[in-house]
Protein backbone atom coordinates (compact mmCIF):
# COMPACT_ATOMS: atom_id res chain seq x y z
CA UNK A 1 -0.20 0.16 -0.20
CA UNK A 2 1.17 3.55 -0.93
CA UNK A 3 2.49 5.65 1.88
CA UNK A 4 0.07 8.65 0.73
CA UNK A 5 -3.02 6.55 1.22
CA UNK A 6 -2.03 5.52 4.86
CA UNK A 7 -1.13 9.13 5.68
CA UNK A 8 -4.48 10.22 4.29
CA UNK A 9 -6.30 7.90 6.02
CA UNK A 10 -5.09 8.65 9.21
CA UNK A 11 -5.76 12.13 8.89
CA UNK A 12 -8.98 11.43 7.79
CA UNK A 13 -9.15 9.40 10.78
CA UNK A 14 -8.04 11.74 13.43
CA UNK A 15 -9.78 14.55 12.26
CA UNK A 16 -13.17 12.46 11.78
CA UNK A 17 -12.79 10.97 15.59
CA UNK A 18 -12.12 14.84 16.38
CA UNK A 19 -15.78 15.71 14.91
CA UNK A 20 -17.93 12.81 16.29
CA UNK A 21 -18.37 14.11 19.49
CA UNK A 22 -18.83 17.66 18.43
CA UNK A 23 -21.52 16.81 16.01
CA UNK A 24 -22.83 14.72 18.42
CA UNK A 25 -22.93 17.36 21.31
CA UNK A 26 -24.51 19.86 17.96
CA UNK A 27 -27.28 17.63 17.91
CA UNK A 28 -27.89 17.24 21.35
CA UNK A 29 -27.71 21.07 21.96
CA UNK A 30 -30.39 21.69 19.15
CA UNK A 31 -32.93 18.46 19.34
CA UNK A 32 -32.85 17.98 23.37
CA UNK A 33 -33.12 13.76 21.94
CA UNK A 34 -30.92 10.79 22.60
CA UNK A 35 -32.34 9.07 19.73
CA UNK A 36 -31.17 11.82 17.41
CA UNK A 37 -27.76 11.95 19.03
CA UNK A 38 -27.51 8.23 18.78
CA UNK A 39 -28.62 8.54 15.37
CA UNK A 40 -26.05 11.26 14.43
CA UNK A 41 -23.41 9.28 16.17
CA UNK A 42 -23.91 6.29 13.77
CA UNK A 43 -24.16 8.06 10.88
CA UNK A 44 -21.07 10.09 11.63
CA UNK A 45 -18.80 7.14 12.35
CA UNK A 46 -20.62 4.70 8.98
CA UNK A 47 -19.71 7.59 6.81
CA UNK A 48 -16.16 7.94 8.84
CA UNK A 49 -15.29 4.52 8.23
CA UNK A 50 -16.57 4.00 4.39
CA UNK A 51 -14.39 7.28 3.42
CA UNK A 52 -11.22 6.12 5.27
CA UNK A 53 -11.85 2.77 3.68
CA UNK A 54 -12.47 4.28 0.02
CA UNK A 55 -8.93 6.55 0.80
CA UNK A 56 -7.29 3.18 1.64
CA UNK A 57 -8.54 1.06 -1.55
CA UNK A 58 -9.36 2.83 -4.62
CA UNK A 59 -9.93 6.49 -4.27
CA UNK A 60 -7.35 8.32 -6.68
CA UNK A 61 -4.55 10.77 -5.18
CA UNK A 62 -6.54 13.69 -5.86
CA UNK A 63 -10.34 12.90 -4.08
CA UNK A 64 -8.21 10.91 -1.14
CA UNK A 65 -6.41 14.40 -0.35
CA UNK A 66 -9.40 16.69 -0.94
CA UNK A 67 -11.62 14.45 1.75
CA UNK A 68 -9.00 14.35 4.01
CA UNK A 69 -8.72 18.68 3.74
CA UNK A 70 -12.05 18.72 3.97
CA UNK A 71 -12.52 17.07 6.82
CA UNK A 72 -9.90 18.81 8.49
CA UNK A 73 -11.34 22.07 7.42
CA UNK A 74 -14.86 21.24 8.90
CA UNK A 75 -13.64 20.14 12.23
CA UNK A 76 -11.51 23.46 12.28
CA UNK A 77 -14.86 25.41 11.51
CA UNK A 78 -16.51 23.57 14.26
CA UNK A 79 -13.86 24.35 16.63
CA UNK A 80 -14.37 27.92 15.76
CA UNK A 81 -17.58 28.36 16.06
CA UNK A 82 -18.41 26.17 18.75
């Protein structure tokens, strides 16, 4: 496996694992429903897992890096606005 795939996937996972609790907290603040929080957490983790698997296996370099940078940027925006 190419090194760039591993680095992009690691960056994606680190940023994604920071994003999931922030997303769940935003949902809790808006809905006050534990079921909605659980659903948002499951959906977020599933999307992160699928995207990471795609980065590790089939996505071309440009798409992989765009996905990783987009997730890192989203986490940055969530941290700044939170």
